[in-house]
Amino acid sequence: MKLIKAYIRIFMVDDVVHALEGAGAPGLTAIEIREMGREVDKHDFKISSEYGTTYTPMVKLEIVCRDEEVHRLVETIQKNAQTGRKGDGLIFISPVEEAVRIRTGERGKSIFK
């Protein structure tokens, strides 16, 4: 199993989520975040009095999937999140050692039924 974390522009979320549903993503989590650093989009930044810096509102998507689904889902994210401007985002892929469904106690790949 793999964990895909994608950091994308907030206004691209609907397109990406609908495309992932169409690509058979087993489910995902979307979390609004504030990106700070070199990739801040100068066309869509905000000033934070809390952090004393500029930031760009972004969304972090998290998807846990089977190994064989990774390539298709990453391509789907990249294709549907791309604007061609600096700061389009990043995608990270990490191994997942174990997964347990809280309700039933199912473990591993069986949670993707």
C-alpha atoms as a PDB file:
ATOM      1  CA  MET A   1       0.000   0.000   0.000  1.00  0.00           C
ATOM      2  CA  LYS A   2       1.050   3.593  -0.604  1.00  0.00           C
ATOM      3  CA  LEU A   3       0.153   7.019   0.769  1.00  0.00           C
ATOM      4  CA  ILE A   4      -0.133   9.786  -1.807  1.00  0.00           C
ATOM      5  CA  LYS A   5       0.074  13.331  -0.453  1.00  0.00           C
ATOM      6  CA  ALA A   6      -0.663  16.043  -2.981  1.00  0.00           C
ATOM      7  CA  TYR A   7      -0.396  19.754  -2.239  1.00  0.00           C
ATOM      8  CA  ILE A   8      -2.495  21.620  -4.806  1.00  0.00           C
ATOM      9  CA  ARG A   9      -3.962  25.060  -5.442  1.00  0.00           C
ATOM     10  CA  ILE A  10      -7.222  25.573  -3.590  1.00  0.00           C
ATOM     11  CA  PHE A  11      -9.161  26.550  -6.721  1.00  0.00           C
ATOM     12  CA  MET A  12      -8.185  23.283  -8.446  1.00  0.00           C
ATOM     13  CA  VAL A  13      -9.636  21.001  -5.751  1.00  0.00           C
ATOM     14  CA  ASP A  14     -13.044  20.371  -7.336  1.00  0.00           C
ATOM     15  CA  ASP A  15     -11.514  19.377 -10.682  1.00  0.00           C
ATOM     16  CA  VAL A  16      -8.926  17.112  -9.053  1.00  0.00           C
ATOM     17  CA  VAL A  17     -11.383  15.411  -6.690  1.00  0.00           C
ATOM     18  CA  HIS A  18     -13.904  14.729  -9.483  1.00  0.00           C
ATOM     19  CA  ALA A  19     -11.119  13.346 -11.690  1.00  0.00           C
ATOM     20  CA  LEU A  20      -9.872  11.111  -8.865  1.00  0.00           C
ATOM     21  CA  GLU A  21     -13.397   9.779  -8.302  1.00  0.00           C
ATOM     22  CA  GLY A  22     -13.575   8.990 -12.022  1.00  0.00           C
ATOM     23  CA  ALA A  23     -10.172   7.291 -11.847  1.00  0.00           C
ATOM     24  CA  GLY A  24     -11.364   4.972  -9.086  1.00  0.00           C
ATOM     25  CA  ALA A  25      -9.622   6.500  -6.075  1.00  0.00           C
ATOM     26  CA  PRO A  26     -10.578   4.436  -3.016  1.00  0.00           C
ATOM     27  CA  GLY A  27     -11.291   7.594  -1.006  1.00  0.00           C
ATOM     28  CA  LEU A  28      -9.393  10.666   0.018  1.00  0.00           C
ATOM     29  CA  THR A  29      -8.959  13.317   2.666  1.00  0.00           C
ATOM     30  CA  ALA A  30      -8.773  17.020   1.797  1.00  0.00           C
ATOM     31  CA  ILE A  31      -7.245  19.453   4.283  1.00  0.00           C
ATOM     32  CA  GLU A  32      -6.975  23.227   3.792  1.00  0.00           C
ATOM     33  CA  ILE A  33      -3.442  24.446   4.499  1.00  0.00           C
ATOM     34  CA  ARG A  34      -1.275  27.555   4.184  1.00  0.00           C
ATOM     35  CA  GLU A  35       1.868  27.173   2.114  1.00  0.00           C
ATOM     36  CA  MET A  36       4.815  29.411   2.935  1.00  0.00           C
ATOM     37  CA  GLY A  37       8.158  29.468   1.212  1.00  0.00           C
ATOM     38  CA  ARG A  38       9.717  29.681  -2.216  1.00  0.00           C
ATOM     39  CA  GLU A  39       6.705  28.319  -4.065  1.00  0.00           C
ATOM     40  CA  VAL A  40       4.259  30.987  -2.830  1.00  0.00           C
ATOM     41  CA  ASP A  41       2.204  32.164  -5.807  1.00  0.00           C
ATOM     42  CA  LYS A  42       2.704  35.920  -6.092  1.00  0.00           C
ATOM     43  CA  HIS A  43      -0.636  36.171  -7.955  1.00  0.00           C
ATOM     44  CA  ASP A  44      -2.653  34.533  -5.178  1.00  0.00           C
ATOM     45  CA  PHE A  45      -0.884  35.202  -1.904  1.00  0.00           C
ATOM     46  CA  LYS A  46      -2.173  36.543   1.384  1.00  0.00           C
ATOM     47  CA  ILE A  47      -0.388  38.288   4.243  1.00  0.00           C
ATOM     48  CA  SER A  48      -0.503  36.570   7.625  1.00  0.00           C
ATOM     49  CA  SER A  49      -0.327  38.729  10.725  1.00  0.00           C
ATOM     50  CA  GLU A  50      -0.258  35.486  12.729  1.00  0.00           C
ATOM     51  CA  TYR A  51       2.903  34.187  11.040  1.00  0.00           C
ATOM     52  CA  GLY A  52       4.407  37.494   9.885  1.00  0.00           C
ATOM     53  CA  THR A  53       4.883  36.296   6.318  1.00  0.00           C
ATOM     54  CA  THR A  54       3.066  35.694   3.053  1.00  0.00           C
ATOM     55  CA  TYR A  55       1.301  32.468   2.249  1.00  0.00           C
ATOM     56  CA  THR A  56      -0.789  30.827  -0.421  1.00  0.00           C
ATOM     57  CA  PRO A  57      -3.945  28.935   0.530  1.00  0.00           C
ATOM     58  CA  MET A  58      -3.593  25.346  -0.674  1.00  0.00           C
ATOM     59  CA  VAL A  59      -5.198  21.955  -0.099  1.00  0.00           C
ATOM     60  CA  LYS A  60      -3.429  18.767   0.930  1.00  0.00           C
ATOM     61  CA  LEU A  61      -5.026  15.621  -0.467  1.00  0.00           C
ATOM     62  CA  GLU A  62      -4.204  12.278   1.134  1.00  0.00           C
ATOM     63  CA  ILE A  63      -5.010   8.971  -0.524  1.00  0.00           C
ATOM     64  CA  VAL A  64      -4.074   5.492   0.676  1.00  0.00           C
ATOM     65  CA  CYS A  65      -4.211   3.032  -2.204  1.00  0.00           C
ATOM     66  CA  ARG A  66      -2.856  -0.235  -3.567  1.00  0.00           C
ATOM     67  CA  ASP A  67       0.599  -0.135  -5.128  1.00  0.00           C
ATOM     68  CA  GLU A  68      -0.817  -0.807  -8.597  1.00  0.00           C
ATOM     69  CA  GLU A  69      -3.088   2.266  -8.381  1.00  0.00           C
ATOM     70  CA  VAL A  70      -0.361   4.802  -7.611  1.00  0.00           C
ATOM     71  CA  HIS A  71       0.735   5.620 -11.165  1.00  0.00           C
ATOM     72  CA  ARG A  72      -2.831   6.181 -12.407  1.00  0.00           C
ATOM     73  CA  LEU A  73      -3.824   8.351  -9.425  1.00  0.00           C
ATOM     74  CA  VAL A  74      -0.644  10.453  -9.502  1.00  0.00           C
ATOM     75  CA  GLU A  75      -1.097  11.086 -13.238  1.00  0.00           C
ATOM     76  CA  THR A  76      -4.714  12.076 -12.598  1.00  0.00           C
ATOM     77  CA  ILE A  77      -3.685  14.567  -9.916  1.00  0.00           C
ATOM     78  CA  GLN A  78      -0.893  16.028 -12.018  1.00  0.00           C
ATOM     79  CA  LYS A  79      -3.044  16.414 -15.125  1.00  0.00           C
ATOM     80  CA  ASN A  80      -5.957  18.047 -13.297  1.00  0.00           C
ATOM     81  CA  ALA A  81      -4.000  20.252 -10.858  1.00  0.00           C
ATOM     82  CA  GLN A  82      -1.595  21.784 -13.364  1.00  0.00           C
ATOM     83  CA  THR A  83      -1.959  25.458 -14.322  1.00  0.00           C
ATOM     84  CA  GLY A  84       1.561  25.897 -15.687  1.00  0.00           C
ATOM     85  CA  ARG A  85       2.427  28.569 -13.120  1.00  0.00           C
ATOM     86  CA  LYS A  86       5.009  28.413 -10.349  1.00  0.00           C
ATOM     87  CA  GLY A  87       3.483  26.964  -7.200  1.00  0.00           C
ATOM     88  CA  ASP A  88       1.171  24.379  -8.794  1.00  0.00           C
ATOM     89  CA  GLY A  89       2.113  22.036  -5.963  1.00  0.00           C
ATOM     90  CA  LEU A  90       3.885  18.810  -5.149  1.00  0.00           C
ATOM     91  CA  ILE A  91       3.030  15.121  -4.885  1.00  0.00           C
ATOM     92  CA  PHE A  92       4.723  12.779  -2.421  1.00  0.00           C
ATOM     93  CA  ILE A  93       4.418   8.982  -2.362  1.00  0.00           C
ATOM     94  CA  SER A  94       5.253   6.971   0.753  1.00  0.00           C
ATOM     95  CA  PRO A  95       4.905   3.323   1.751  1.00  0.00           C
ATOM     96  CA  VAL A  96       2.167   2.362   4.215  1.00  0.00           C
ATOM     97  CA  GLU A  97       3.152  -0.490   6.505  1.00  0.00           C
ATOM     98  CA  GLU A  98      -0.276  -1.362   7.865  1.00  0.00           C
ATOM     99  CA  ALA A  99      -3.885  -0.195   7.818  1.00  0.00           C
ATOM    100  CA  VAL A 100      -6.634  -1.155  10.256  1.00  0.00           C
ATOM    101  CA  ARG A 101     -10.332  -0.433   9.806  1.00  0.00           C
ATOM    102  CA  ILE A 102     -11.508   0.795  13.219  1.00  0.00           C
ATOM    103  CA  ARG A 103     -15.083  -0.524  12.964  1.00  0.00           C
ATOM    104  CA  THR A 104     -14.273  -4.107  11.939  1.00  0.00           C
ATOM    105  CA  GLY A 105     -10.608  -4.624  12.767  1.00  0.00           C
ATOM    106  CA  GLU A 106      -9.864  -5.603   9.130  1.00  0.00           C
ATOM    107  CA  ARG A 107      -6.192  -5.203   8.270  1.00  0.00           C
ATOM    108  CA  GLY A 108      -4.101  -4.589   5.208  1.00  0.00           C
ATOM    109  CA  LYS A 109      -5.346  -4.599   1.638  1.00  0.00           C
ATOM    110  CA  SER A 110      -8.709  -6.054   2.640  1.00  0.00           C
ATOM    111  CA  ILE A 111      -9.834  -2.555   3.636  1.00  0.00           C
ATOM    112  CA  PHE A 112     -10.091  -1.664  -0.069  1.00  0.00           C
ATOM    113  CA  LYS A 113     -13.069  -3.971  -0.705  1.00  0.00           C
END
